[in-house]
N, C-alpha and C. Protein backbone atom coordinates (compact mmCIF):
# COMPACT_ATOMS: atom_id res chain seq x y z
N MET A 1 -2.18 12.99 59.40
CA MET A 1 -2.95 13.40 58.45
C MET A 1 -2.38 14.49 57.69
N ILE A 2 -1.51 15.42 58.15
CA ILE A 2 -0.94 16.39 57.31
C ILE A 2 0.17 15.60 56.57
N LYS A 3 0.87 14.88 57.01
CA LYS A 3 1.88 14.13 56.27
C LYS A 3 1.22 13.47 55.18
N HIS A 4 0.07 12.74 55.33
CA HIS A 4 -0.65 11.92 54.25
C HIS A 4 -1.08 12.95 53.13
N SER A 5 -1.59 14.16 53.61
CA SER A 5 -2.06 15.27 52.47
C SER A 5 -0.85 15.55 51.61
N VAL A 6 0.16 15.96 52.45
CA VAL A 6 1.42 16.52 51.74
C VAL A 6 1.90 15.36 50.64
N LEU A 7 1.87 14.10 51.26
CA LEU A 7 2.33 13.12 50.30
C LEU A 7 1.45 13.03 49.03
N ALA A 8 0.20 12.92 49.25
CA ALA A 8 -0.83 12.73 48.18
C ALA A 8 -0.76 13.92 47.20
N ALA A 9 -0.62 15.15 47.83
CA ALA A 9 -0.31 16.49 46.84
C ALA A 9 0.92 16.15 46.08
N SER A 10 2.09 15.74 46.75
CA SER A 10 3.29 15.42 46.00
C SER A 10 3.17 14.45 44.88
N VAL A 11 2.46 13.44 45.08
CA VAL A 11 2.34 12.34 44.12
C VAL A 11 1.49 12.95 43.12
N ALA A 12 0.43 13.82 43.21
CA ALA A 12 -0.38 14.30 42.35
C ALA A 12 0.25 15.28 41.42
N LEU A 13 1.16 16.05 42.12
CA LEU A 13 1.97 17.12 41.33
C LEU A 13 2.88 16.42 40.45
N LEU A 14 3.60 15.36 40.83
CA LEU A 14 4.54 14.70 40.00
C LEU A 14 3.90 13.82 38.95
N MET A 15 2.60 13.35 39.16
CA MET A 15 1.89 12.69 38.05
C MET A 15 1.50 13.64 36.92
N GLY A 16 1.10 14.96 37.44
CA GLY A 16 0.63 15.98 36.64
C GLY A 16 1.64 16.58 35.84
N ALA A 17 3.01 16.53 36.39
CA ALA A 17 4.08 17.32 35.67
C ALA A 17 4.27 16.83 34.20
N PRO A 18 4.27 15.50 33.81
CA PRO A 18 4.36 15.28 32.32
C PRO A 18 3.37 15.76 31.62
N LEU A 19 2.09 15.81 32.02
CA LEU A 19 0.96 16.44 31.28
C LEU A 19 1.31 17.93 31.01
N ALA A 20 1.82 18.61 31.95
CA ALA A 20 2.06 20.13 31.82
C ALA A 20 3.18 20.16 30.95
N GLN A 21 3.90 19.36 30.73
CA GLN A 21 5.05 19.50 29.69
C GLN A 21 4.83 18.70 28.40
N ALA A 22 3.62 18.34 28.27
CA ALA A 22 3.24 17.36 27.04
C ALA A 22 3.42 17.99 25.69
N GLY A 23 2.97 19.34 25.76
CA GLY A 23 2.77 19.99 24.45
C GLY A 23 4.09 20.22 23.63
N GLU A 24 4.21 20.03 22.41
CA GLU A 24 5.42 20.22 21.60
C GLU A 24 5.25 20.79 20.28
N ALA A 25 5.69 21.88 19.91
CA ALA A 25 5.69 22.26 18.54
C ALA A 25 6.95 21.94 17.78
N TYR A 26 6.76 21.61 16.41
CA TYR A 26 8.01 21.21 15.56
C TYR A 26 7.91 21.70 14.16
N LEU A 27 8.98 21.79 13.71
CA LEU A 27 9.29 22.28 12.23
C LEU A 27 10.29 21.11 11.66
N ALA A 28 9.80 20.67 10.31
CA ALA A 28 10.86 19.77 9.74
C ALA A 28 10.93 20.03 8.22
N LEU A 29 11.98 19.66 7.70
CA LEU A 29 12.31 19.90 6.31
C LEU A 29 12.55 18.69 5.70
N GLY A 30 12.25 18.36 4.39
CA GLY A 30 12.50 17.20 3.69
C GLY A 30 11.57 17.01 2.59
N PHE A 31 10.78 15.99 2.56
CA PHE A 31 9.69 15.80 1.48
C PHE A 31 8.44 15.26 2.36
N PRO A 32 7.42 16.07 2.44
CA PRO A 32 7.07 17.25 1.83
C PRO A 32 8.32 18.29 2.39
N ILE A 33 8.57 19.23 1.66
CA ILE A 33 9.54 20.28 1.85
C ILE A 33 9.55 20.80 3.26
N VAL A 34 8.35 21.37 3.69
CA VAL A 34 8.02 22.09 4.97
C VAL A 34 6.88 21.42 5.65
N GLN A 35 7.18 20.91 6.89
CA GLN A 35 6.02 20.44 7.70
C GLN A 35 6.16 21.31 9.09
N VAL A 36 4.96 21.43 9.62
CA VAL A 36 4.80 22.36 11.06
C VAL A 36 3.63 21.54 11.57
N GLY A 37 3.95 21.22 12.96
CA GLY A 37 2.93 20.41 13.68
C GLY A 37 3.10 20.61 15.09
N TYR A 38 2.17 19.80 15.81
CA TYR A 38 1.98 19.90 17.33
C TYR A 38 2.03 18.30 17.77
N ALA A 39 2.81 18.08 18.75
CA ALA A 39 2.68 16.81 19.41
C ALA A 39 2.33 16.67 20.79
N HIS A 40 1.63 15.70 21.29
CA HIS A 40 1.19 15.80 22.65
C HIS A 40 1.55 14.31 23.33
N SER A 41 2.22 14.35 24.31
CA SER A 41 2.61 12.88 24.93
C SER A 41 1.43 12.60 25.92
N VAL A 42 0.89 11.27 25.51
CA VAL A 42 -0.01 10.79 26.42
C VAL A 42 0.64 10.16 27.74
N ASN A 43 1.69 9.25 27.52
CA ASN A 43 2.39 8.90 28.61
C ASN A 43 3.81 8.48 27.88
N GLN A 44 4.62 7.59 28.54
CA GLN A 44 6.01 7.50 28.25
C GLN A 44 6.07 6.63 27.02
N GLN A 45 4.93 5.89 26.54
CA GLN A 45 5.13 5.12 25.42
C GLN A 45 4.28 5.37 24.24
N LEU A 46 3.41 6.39 24.55
CA LEU A 46 2.45 6.72 23.50
C LEU A 46 2.35 8.41 23.18
N GLY A 47 2.37 8.83 22.04
CA GLY A 47 2.11 10.27 21.61
C GLY A 47 1.07 10.42 20.58
N LEU A 48 0.48 11.69 20.28
CA LEU A 48 -0.30 11.85 19.40
C LEU A 48 0.30 13.18 18.53
N ARG A 49 0.02 13.32 17.38
CA ARG A 49 0.51 14.24 16.62
C ARG A 49 -0.28 14.70 15.47
N ALA A 50 -0.34 15.92 15.06
CA ALA A 50 -0.92 16.44 13.85
C ALA A 50 0.14 17.40 13.21
N ASP A 51 0.18 17.35 11.83
CA ASP A 51 0.99 18.39 11.15
C ASP A 51 0.46 18.72 9.82
N PHE A 52 0.93 19.66 9.28
CA PHE A 52 0.71 20.19 7.78
C PHE A 52 1.91 20.15 7.16
N GLY A 53 1.89 19.45 5.99
CA GLY A 53 3.20 19.54 5.07
C GLY A 53 2.94 20.07 3.75
N THR A 54 3.73 20.58 3.12
CA THR A 54 3.63 21.31 1.58
C THR A 54 4.94 21.04 0.81
N SER A 55 4.74 20.83 -0.39
CA SER A 55 5.95 21.03 -1.21
C SER A 55 5.55 22.24 -2.22
N GLY A 56 4.40 22.94 -2.12
CA GLY A 56 4.20 24.03 -2.93
C GLY A 56 3.77 23.43 -4.38
N THR A 57 4.22 24.03 -5.38
CA THR A 57 3.89 23.55 -6.84
C THR A 57 5.27 23.70 -7.54
N PHE A 58 5.57 22.67 -8.17
CA PHE A 58 6.74 22.47 -9.08
C PHE A 58 6.43 22.26 -10.39
N SER A 59 7.18 23.06 -11.27
CA SER A 59 6.93 22.96 -12.59
C SER A 59 8.18 22.50 -13.44
N LYS A 60 7.94 21.64 -14.45
CA LYS A 60 9.04 21.07 -15.06
C LYS A 60 8.69 20.40 -16.37
N ASP A 61 9.34 20.88 -17.50
CA ASP A 61 8.93 20.51 -18.94
C ASP A 61 9.73 19.00 -19.11
N GLY A 62 9.18 17.99 -19.96
CA GLY A 62 9.78 16.85 -20.04
C GLY A 62 8.96 16.16 -21.33
N MET A 63 9.58 14.90 -21.42
CA MET A 63 8.92 14.11 -22.55
C MET A 63 8.55 12.81 -21.99
N GLU A 64 7.16 12.41 -22.28
CA GLU A 64 6.74 11.20 -21.99
C GLU A 64 6.16 10.49 -23.02
N GLU A 65 6.67 9.45 -23.56
CA GLU A 65 5.92 8.56 -24.68
C GLU A 65 6.09 9.40 -25.91
N GLY A 66 7.04 10.17 -25.98
CA GLY A 66 7.33 10.95 -27.35
C GLY A 66 6.62 12.03 -27.51
N ILE A 67 5.91 12.52 -26.52
CA ILE A 67 5.09 13.74 -26.44
C ILE A 67 5.81 14.77 -25.28
N ASP A 68 6.00 16.02 -25.83
CA ASP A 68 6.49 17.05 -25.01
C ASP A 68 5.36 17.53 -24.02
N TYR A 69 5.61 17.53 -22.66
CA TYR A 69 4.72 17.82 -21.57
C TYR A 69 5.29 19.10 -20.61
N LYS A 70 4.27 19.84 -20.26
CA LYS A 70 4.62 20.91 -19.18
C LYS A 70 4.04 20.14 -18.02
N GLY A 71 4.73 19.90 -16.88
CA GLY A 71 4.39 19.11 -15.74
C GLY A 71 4.34 19.93 -14.60
N ASP A 72 3.21 20.08 -13.82
CA ASP A 72 3.01 20.79 -12.49
C ASP A 72 2.69 19.86 -11.43
N LEU A 73 3.37 19.81 -10.41
CA LEU A 73 3.26 18.93 -9.36
C LEU A 73 2.86 19.63 -8.14
N ASN A 74 1.59 19.35 -7.46
CA ASN A 74 1.09 19.90 -6.36
C ASN A 74 0.93 18.93 -5.21
N LEU A 75 1.64 19.17 -4.04
CA LEU A 75 1.60 18.33 -2.78
C LEU A 75 1.17 19.05 -1.60
N HIS A 76 -0.02 18.82 -1.01
CA HIS A 76 -0.15 19.33 0.35
C HIS A 76 -0.80 18.19 1.10
N ARG A 77 -0.57 18.03 2.43
CA ARG A 77 -1.23 17.18 3.13
C ARG A 77 -1.14 17.49 4.73
N VAL A 78 -2.17 16.95 5.29
CA VAL A 78 -2.54 17.19 6.80
C VAL A 78 -2.18 15.70 7.33
N GLY A 79 -1.45 15.59 8.35
CA GLY A 79 -1.09 14.13 8.75
C GLY A 79 -1.72 14.04 10.32
N LEU A 80 -2.34 12.92 10.65
CA LEU A 80 -2.71 12.75 12.02
C LEU A 80 -2.05 11.31 12.44
N PHE A 81 -1.33 11.25 13.58
CA PHE A 81 -0.28 10.26 13.56
C PHE A 81 -0.41 9.76 15.23
N ALA A 82 -0.26 8.68 15.50
CA ALA A 82 0.11 8.06 16.81
C ALA A 82 1.50 7.43 16.86
N ASP A 83 2.10 7.82 17.77
CA ASP A 83 3.63 7.41 17.96
C ASP A 83 3.67 6.45 19.16
N TYR A 84 4.38 5.20 18.87
CA TYR A 84 4.61 4.19 19.86
C TYR A 84 6.10 4.12 20.07
N PHE A 85 6.52 4.25 21.40
CA PHE A 85 7.91 4.26 21.86
C PHE A 85 8.11 2.80 22.60
N PRO A 86 8.78 1.83 21.77
CA PRO A 86 8.92 0.47 22.32
C PRO A 86 10.16 0.53 23.36
N PHE A 87 10.98 1.41 23.22
CA PHE A 87 12.17 1.40 24.18
C PHE A 87 12.12 2.65 24.87
N SER A 88 13.10 2.95 25.74
CA SER A 88 13.27 4.18 26.56
C SER A 88 13.69 5.30 25.96
N GLY A 89 14.25 5.08 24.70
CA GLY A 89 14.87 6.33 24.00
C GLY A 89 13.80 7.13 23.02
N GLY A 90 14.30 7.88 22.08
CA GLY A 90 13.54 8.48 21.12
C GLY A 90 12.84 7.76 19.90
N PHE A 91 13.25 6.41 19.62
CA PHE A 91 13.00 5.64 18.54
C PHE A 91 11.42 5.42 18.86
N ARG A 92 10.75 5.49 17.60
CA ARG A 92 9.32 5.27 17.66
C ARG A 92 8.80 4.52 16.33
N LEU A 93 7.69 4.10 16.33
CA LEU A 93 6.95 3.55 15.34
C LEU A 93 5.65 4.36 15.28
N THR A 94 5.38 4.72 13.98
CA THR A 94 4.32 5.62 13.75
C THR A 94 3.14 5.08 12.78
N GLY A 95 2.08 5.32 13.13
CA GLY A 95 0.80 5.00 12.24
C GLY A 95 -0.27 6.23 12.27
N GLY A 96 -0.85 6.10 11.24
CA GLY A 96 -2.03 7.13 11.08
C GLY A 96 -2.48 7.18 9.85
N VAL A 97 -2.93 8.56 9.43
CA VAL A 97 -3.63 8.73 8.17
C VAL A 97 -3.06 10.08 7.70
N THR A 98 -3.08 10.29 6.41
CA THR A 98 -2.85 11.63 5.85
C THR A 98 -4.13 12.07 4.87
N LEU A 99 -4.47 13.38 4.98
CA LEU A 99 -5.33 13.86 4.14
C LEU A 99 -4.71 14.59 3.15
N ASN A 100 -4.70 14.23 1.88
CA ASN A 100 -3.89 14.76 0.87
C ASN A 100 -4.48 15.42 -0.39
N LYS A 101 -3.80 16.45 -0.84
CA LYS A 101 -4.19 17.03 -2.12
C LYS A 101 -2.73 16.92 -2.99
N ALA A 102 -2.66 15.69 -3.71
CA ALA A 102 -1.46 15.37 -4.49
C ALA A 102 -1.87 15.24 -5.75
N GLU A 103 -1.32 16.06 -6.62
CA GLU A 103 -1.71 15.80 -8.12
C GLU A 103 -0.55 16.24 -8.94
N LEU A 104 -0.49 15.49 -10.01
CA LEU A 104 0.46 15.81 -11.15
C LEU A 104 -0.40 16.11 -12.37
N LYS A 105 -0.10 17.25 -12.95
CA LYS A 105 -0.65 17.60 -14.32
C LYS A 105 0.13 17.55 -15.42
N LEU A 106 -0.04 17.25 -16.38
CA LEU A 106 0.76 16.98 -17.65
C LEU A 106 0.17 17.54 -18.63
N ASN A 107 0.42 18.94 -19.20
CA ASN A 107 -0.25 19.52 -20.26
C ASN A 107 0.70 19.35 -21.53
N SER A 108 0.25 18.97 -22.61
CA SER A 108 0.82 18.47 -23.88
C SER A 108 1.27 19.76 -24.46
N ASN A 109 2.33 19.47 -25.17
CA ASN A 109 3.05 20.78 -26.10
C ASN A 109 3.04 20.30 -27.49
N LEU A 110 2.12 20.11 -28.33
CA LEU A 110 2.19 19.76 -29.56
C LEU A 110 2.37 20.84 -30.52
N VAL A 111 3.47 20.81 -31.09
CA VAL A 111 4.00 22.05 -31.87
C VAL A 111 3.59 21.89 -33.24
N ASN A 112 2.97 22.97 -33.94
CA ASN A 112 2.68 22.98 -35.30
C ASN A 112 3.81 22.57 -36.18
N GLY A 113 3.43 21.46 -36.96
CA GLY A 113 4.26 20.91 -38.07
C GLY A 113 5.49 19.75 -37.37
N ARG A 114 5.47 19.59 -36.22
CA ARG A 114 6.35 18.74 -35.30
C ARG A 114 5.61 17.23 -35.22
N ASN A 115 6.10 16.27 -36.09
CA ASN A 115 5.52 15.00 -36.20
C ASN A 115 5.47 14.38 -34.71
N VAL A 116 4.43 13.69 -34.26
CA VAL A 116 4.28 12.89 -32.98
C VAL A 116 3.64 11.58 -33.41
N THR A 117 3.80 10.66 -32.56
CA THR A 117 3.17 9.21 -32.79
C THR A 117 2.16 9.23 -31.58
N ILE A 118 0.88 9.07 -31.84
CA ILE A 118 -0.10 8.88 -30.93
C ILE A 118 -0.51 7.39 -31.00
N GLY A 119 -0.26 6.59 -29.85
CA GLY A 119 -0.59 5.04 -30.06
C GLY A 119 0.21 4.48 -31.03
N ASP A 120 -0.23 3.90 -32.08
CA ASP A 120 0.37 3.49 -33.30
C ASP A 120 0.42 4.36 -34.51
N GLN A 121 -0.13 5.68 -34.41
CA GLN A 121 -0.39 6.35 -35.48
C GLN A 121 0.49 7.71 -35.48
N SER A 122 1.10 7.85 -36.59
CA SER A 122 1.95 9.08 -36.92
C SER A 122 1.21 10.21 -37.16
N TYR A 123 1.26 11.37 -36.71
CA TYR A 123 0.45 12.50 -36.84
C TYR A 123 1.21 13.79 -36.79
N THR A 124 0.75 14.82 -37.65
CA THR A 124 1.36 16.17 -37.59
C THR A 124 0.58 17.16 -37.16
N PRO A 125 0.42 17.67 -36.08
CA PRO A 125 -0.33 18.56 -35.45
C PRO A 125 -0.27 19.92 -36.08
N ASP A 126 -1.34 20.71 -35.89
CA ASP A 126 -1.32 22.26 -36.22
C ASP A 126 -1.01 23.10 -35.15
N GLY A 127 -0.89 22.45 -33.94
CA GLY A 127 -0.62 23.31 -32.79
C GLY A 127 -1.65 23.60 -31.88
N SER A 128 -3.01 23.29 -32.45
CA SER A 128 -4.04 23.59 -31.43
C SER A 128 -4.55 22.29 -30.63
N GLU A 129 -4.02 21.18 -31.12
CA GLU A 129 -4.40 19.79 -30.29
C GLU A 129 -3.69 19.66 -28.98
N TYR A 130 -4.31 18.95 -28.15
CA TYR A 130 -3.73 18.69 -26.78
C TYR A 130 -4.19 17.39 -26.34
N LEU A 131 -3.23 16.87 -25.40
CA LEU A 131 -3.59 15.69 -24.61
C LEU A 131 -2.92 15.85 -23.22
N ASN A 132 -3.97 16.39 -22.31
CA ASN A 132 -3.62 16.67 -20.90
C ASN A 132 -3.95 15.58 -20.05
N VAL A 133 -3.14 15.33 -19.10
CA VAL A 133 -3.30 14.23 -18.27
C VAL A 133 -3.24 14.52 -16.66
N GLN A 134 -3.97 14.13 -15.90
CA GLN A 134 -3.96 14.48 -14.43
C GLN A 134 -3.84 13.06 -13.77
N VAL A 135 -2.73 13.06 -12.93
CA VAL A 135 -2.41 11.85 -11.86
C VAL A 135 -2.65 12.26 -10.54
N LYS A 136 -3.57 11.59 -9.84
CA LYS A 136 -4.09 12.07 -8.35
C LYS A 136 -3.89 10.88 -7.54
N MET A 137 -3.31 11.28 -6.47
CA MET A 137 -3.46 10.23 -5.32
C MET A 137 -4.66 10.48 -4.40
N PRO A 138 -4.95 9.34 -3.66
CA PRO A 138 -6.29 9.33 -2.82
C PRO A 138 -6.36 10.56 -1.93
N ALA A 139 -7.50 11.02 -1.69
CA ALA A 139 -7.61 12.08 -0.66
C ALA A 139 -7.28 11.72 0.78
N VAL A 140 -7.44 10.32 1.22
CA VAL A 140 -7.22 9.87 2.53
C VAL A 140 -6.41 8.68 2.16
N MET A 141 -5.23 8.51 2.86
CA MET A 141 -4.16 7.42 2.74
C MET A 141 -3.76 7.01 4.14
N PRO A 142 -3.74 5.60 4.51
CA PRO A 142 -3.05 5.18 5.62
C PRO A 142 -1.60 5.38 5.62
N TYR A 143 -0.95 5.68 6.78
CA TYR A 143 0.45 6.06 6.95
C TYR A 143 1.09 5.17 8.01
N ILE A 144 2.32 4.65 7.55
CA ILE A 144 3.20 3.59 8.48
C ILE A 144 4.72 4.44 8.41
N GLY A 145 5.36 4.26 9.34
CA GLY A 145 6.67 4.69 9.35
C GLY A 145 7.28 4.51 10.56
N ILE A 146 8.78 4.91 10.70
CA ILE A 146 9.43 4.90 11.89
C ILE A 146 10.02 6.27 12.02
N GLY A 147 10.50 6.62 13.30
CA GLY A 147 11.20 8.01 13.37
C GLY A 147 11.90 8.16 14.87
N TRP A 148 12.28 9.25 14.90
CA TRP A 148 13.05 9.65 16.37
C TRP A 148 12.52 11.01 16.71
N GLY A 149 12.20 11.02 17.96
CA GLY A 149 11.73 12.26 18.71
C GLY A 149 10.28 12.44 19.13
N HIS A 150 9.87 13.34 19.70
CA HIS A 150 8.36 13.50 20.20
C HIS A 150 8.23 12.63 21.55
N GLN A 151 9.11 12.21 22.01
CA GLN A 151 8.96 11.30 23.23
C GLN A 151 8.83 12.33 24.46
N ALA A 152 8.17 11.47 25.44
CA ALA A 152 7.85 12.60 26.64
C ALA A 152 9.12 12.72 27.38
N SER A 153 9.40 13.89 27.74
CA SER A 153 10.75 14.50 28.18
C SER A 153 10.60 15.83 28.96
N GLU A 154 11.62 16.35 29.22
CA GLU A 154 11.65 17.64 29.85
C GLU A 154 11.40 18.69 28.81
N LYS A 155 10.88 19.94 29.13
CA LYS A 155 10.74 20.82 28.24
C LYS A 155 12.06 21.29 27.62
N GLY A 156 12.05 21.90 26.33
CA GLY A 156 13.33 22.24 25.69
C GLY A 156 13.27 21.92 24.25
N TRP A 157 14.52 22.15 23.74
CA TRP A 157 14.55 21.80 22.33
C TRP A 157 14.92 20.41 22.03
N GLY A 158 14.53 19.66 20.97
CA GLY A 158 14.83 18.50 20.57
C GLY A 158 15.11 18.24 19.10
N PHE A 159 15.33 17.01 18.88
CA PHE A 159 15.61 16.60 17.41
C PHE A 159 14.48 15.69 16.96
N VAL A 160 13.88 15.84 15.77
CA VAL A 160 12.82 14.95 15.20
C VAL A 160 13.29 14.30 13.70
N ALA A 161 12.91 13.23 13.52
CA ALA A 161 12.98 12.71 12.20
C ALA A 161 12.01 11.52 11.80
N ASP A 162 11.69 11.49 10.58
CA ASP A 162 10.66 10.48 10.12
C ASP A 162 11.15 9.85 8.81
N LEU A 163 10.76 8.60 8.59
CA LEU A 163 10.91 8.01 7.44
C LEU A 163 9.59 7.12 7.45
N GLY A 164 8.66 7.22 6.43
CA GLY A 164 7.70 6.64 6.25
C GLY A 164 6.90 6.72 4.94
N VAL A 165 5.82 6.03 4.64
CA VAL A 165 5.01 6.12 3.60
C VAL A 165 3.40 6.30 3.76
N SER A 166 2.84 7.02 3.03
CA SER A 166 1.46 6.98 2.77
C SER A 166 1.06 6.05 1.63
N VAL A 167 0.09 5.15 1.84
CA VAL A 167 -0.17 4.14 0.82
C VAL A 167 -1.53 4.32 0.22
N GLY A 168 -1.48 4.17 -1.12
CA GLY A 168 -2.48 4.55 -2.03
C GLY A 168 -2.40 4.40 -3.62
N LYS A 169 -3.30 4.10 -4.31
CA LYS A 169 -3.09 3.88 -5.65
C LYS A 169 -3.45 5.19 -6.47
N ALA A 170 -2.72 5.55 -7.23
CA ALA A 170 -2.91 6.87 -8.08
C ALA A 170 -4.11 6.40 -9.17
N THR A 171 -4.82 7.61 -9.38
CA THR A 171 -5.74 7.47 -10.48
C THR A 171 -5.15 8.33 -11.55
N LEU A 172 -5.55 8.03 -12.94
CA LEU A 172 -5.12 8.90 -14.13
C LEU A 172 -6.41 9.18 -14.90
N ASP A 173 -6.60 10.42 -15.16
CA ASP A 173 -7.48 10.95 -15.95
C ASP A 173 -6.94 11.97 -17.16
N TYR A 174 -7.68 12.02 -18.26
CA TYR A 174 -7.07 12.89 -19.29
C TYR A 174 -8.28 13.44 -20.20
N GLN A 175 -7.84 14.39 -20.98
CA GLN A 175 -8.85 15.25 -21.79
C GLN A 175 -7.96 15.44 -23.04
N THR A 176 -8.58 15.35 -24.16
CA THR A 176 -7.95 15.40 -25.46
C THR A 176 -8.91 15.83 -26.61
N ASN A 177 -8.61 16.53 -27.67
CA ASN A 177 -9.25 16.87 -28.71
C ASN A 177 -8.59 16.35 -30.03
N LEU A 178 -7.80 15.22 -29.73
CA LEU A 178 -6.99 14.63 -30.90
C LEU A 178 -7.87 14.10 -32.03
N ILE A 179 -8.85 13.22 -31.39
CA ILE A 179 -9.73 12.47 -32.35
C ILE A 179 -10.45 13.55 -33.38
N ALA A 180 -11.00 14.46 -32.80
CA ALA A 180 -11.82 15.47 -33.60
C ALA A 180 -10.96 16.37 -34.51
N LYS A 181 -9.83 16.83 -33.90
CA LYS A 181 -8.97 17.66 -34.68
C LYS A 181 -8.27 16.98 -35.91
N SER A 182 -7.96 15.59 -35.74
CA SER A 182 -7.25 14.97 -36.63
C SER A 182 -8.17 14.48 -37.82
N GLY A 183 -9.45 14.67 -37.83
CA GLY A 183 -10.48 14.32 -38.74
C GLY A 183 -10.53 12.73 -38.81
N GLY A 184 -10.25 11.95 -37.91
CA GLY A 184 -10.32 10.54 -37.73
C GLY A 184 -8.99 9.88 -37.94
N THR A 185 -8.00 10.57 -38.29
CA THR A 185 -6.67 9.98 -38.51
C THR A 185 -6.22 9.45 -37.03
N ILE A 186 -6.48 10.03 -36.06
CA ILE A 186 -6.25 9.57 -34.67
C ILE A 186 -7.46 8.82 -34.24
N THR A 187 -7.42 7.71 -33.81
CA THR A 187 -8.71 6.97 -33.27
C THR A 187 -8.67 6.88 -31.73
N GLN A 188 -9.86 6.40 -31.25
CA GLN A 188 -9.90 6.28 -29.79
C GLN A 188 -8.87 5.29 -29.36
N ALA A 189 -8.78 4.13 -30.18
CA ALA A 189 -7.80 3.14 -29.80
C ALA A 189 -6.35 3.60 -29.84
N ASP A 190 -5.90 4.61 -30.61
CA ASP A 190 -4.73 5.26 -30.55
C ASP A 190 -4.50 5.95 -29.18
N VAL A 191 -5.65 6.84 -28.99
CA VAL A 191 -5.41 7.56 -27.58
C VAL A 191 -5.45 6.68 -26.41
N ASP A 192 -6.21 5.56 -26.35
CA ASP A 192 -6.26 4.54 -25.41
C ASP A 192 -4.92 3.96 -25.11
N LYS A 193 -4.21 3.70 -26.12
CA LYS A 193 -2.84 3.21 -26.03
C LYS A 193 -1.81 4.04 -25.54
N GLU A 194 -2.13 5.25 -25.94
CA GLU A 194 -0.98 6.39 -25.48
C GLU A 194 -1.38 6.48 -24.02
N VAL A 195 -2.60 6.59 -23.47
CA VAL A 195 -2.82 6.83 -22.20
C VAL A 195 -2.56 5.61 -21.43
N SER A 196 -2.56 4.47 -21.94
CA SER A 196 -2.26 3.17 -21.20
C SER A 196 -0.66 3.22 -20.94
N GLU A 197 0.21 3.70 -22.04
CA GLU A 197 1.55 3.86 -21.79
C GLU A 197 1.97 4.88 -20.90
N LEU A 198 1.19 5.97 -20.82
CA LEU A 198 1.42 6.94 -19.79
C LEU A 198 1.16 6.40 -18.32
N ARG A 199 -0.03 5.67 -18.24
CA ARG A 199 -0.17 5.00 -16.93
C ARG A 199 0.81 4.08 -16.59
N ASP A 200 1.43 3.32 -17.59
CA ASP A 200 2.57 2.61 -16.93
C ASP A 200 3.76 3.32 -16.47
N SER A 201 3.94 4.47 -17.19
CA SER A 201 5.12 5.22 -16.90
C SER A 201 4.99 6.13 -15.71
N VAL A 202 4.02 6.85 -15.53
CA VAL A 202 3.81 7.76 -14.48
C VAL A 202 2.64 7.54 -13.54
N GLY A 203 1.74 6.69 -13.98
CA GLY A 203 0.50 6.44 -13.27
C GLY A 203 0.44 5.38 -12.25
N LYS A 204 1.66 4.55 -12.18
CA LYS A 204 1.70 3.57 -11.18
C LYS A 204 2.25 3.74 -9.87
N VAL A 205 1.89 4.84 -9.36
CA VAL A 205 2.40 5.45 -8.15
C VAL A 205 1.39 4.77 -7.03
N THR A 206 2.19 4.09 -5.93
CA THR A 206 1.29 3.61 -4.98
C THR A 206 1.80 3.97 -3.49
N VAL A 207 2.69 4.88 -3.44
CA VAL A 207 2.99 5.40 -1.97
C VAL A 207 3.43 6.99 -2.19
N LEU A 208 3.25 7.72 -1.25
CA LEU A 208 3.72 9.06 -1.02
C LEU A 208 4.79 8.94 0.03
N PRO A 209 6.01 9.22 -0.13
CA PRO A 209 7.04 8.96 0.80
C PRO A 209 7.15 10.26 1.82
N GLN A 210 7.58 10.11 3.04
CA GLN A 210 7.95 11.06 3.81
C GLN A 210 9.50 10.88 4.32
N ILE A 211 10.21 11.80 4.20
CA ILE A 211 11.60 11.75 4.64
C ILE A 211 11.82 13.08 5.22
N SER A 212 12.17 13.26 6.46
CA SER A 212 12.21 14.61 7.07
C SER A 212 13.25 14.82 8.25
N LEU A 213 13.85 15.73 8.43
CA LEU A 213 14.64 16.20 9.69
C LEU A 213 14.03 17.47 10.05
N GLY A 214 13.91 17.52 11.52
CA GLY A 214 13.60 18.85 12.08
C GLY A 214 14.04 19.08 13.57
N VAL A 215 13.48 20.08 14.22
CA VAL A 215 13.81 20.52 15.43
C VAL A 215 12.32 20.62 16.12
N SER A 216 12.20 20.49 17.40
CA SER A 216 10.99 20.55 18.19
C SER A 216 11.39 21.27 19.59
N TYR A 217 10.17 22.06 20.09
CA TYR A 217 10.32 22.57 21.33
C TYR A 217 9.25 22.10 22.33
N LYS A 218 9.43 21.38 23.28
CA LYS A 218 8.54 20.96 24.26
C LYS A 218 8.35 21.86 25.41
N PHE A 219 7.10 22.19 25.63
CA PHE A 219 6.82 23.21 26.67
C PHE A 219 5.90 22.84 27.82
């Protein structure tokens, strides 16, 4: 009876050991630039993860369709993932969802006296006109990818890597006072054509990539 009790206790201890070592914190760099998260090994082939990634805010001036813009990119996301390990090593397949705040703002810089073309119409602004555009990704997007790391293992340091995409179609909105300020020189058709060209150049985004390398600590 004593031997059976000891054996049962030993089996229970061994079965419980992986769970006691299942927690893992990790930090990764790439795109998004910084990611911090927590992973939990369910068993040898399945793990669950959640992390937060941000690229902060980037600002860059540039030209799109003949108009100077000041661009601001904001990207923040929370990821909820399931990792499947088909082999005995650290290679994994990953699926899940990302909750996103991903937005590109393009604020026009129409300089007084500098001629521009809006749609098919040439126009000389007085500097008070604007054509501002916002490109947004969906708030919730499915994620698929591959990676390395987060597998069930002994406690200690590890290496993690991810390559994948969140999938979704961007939407484009705009605000402008060009029609009113031009006194009818610029028509709605001109604005629609300009916005359509912008949509073709910057608004056809369908994925948010993730490429990252990092370190983890399993405890």
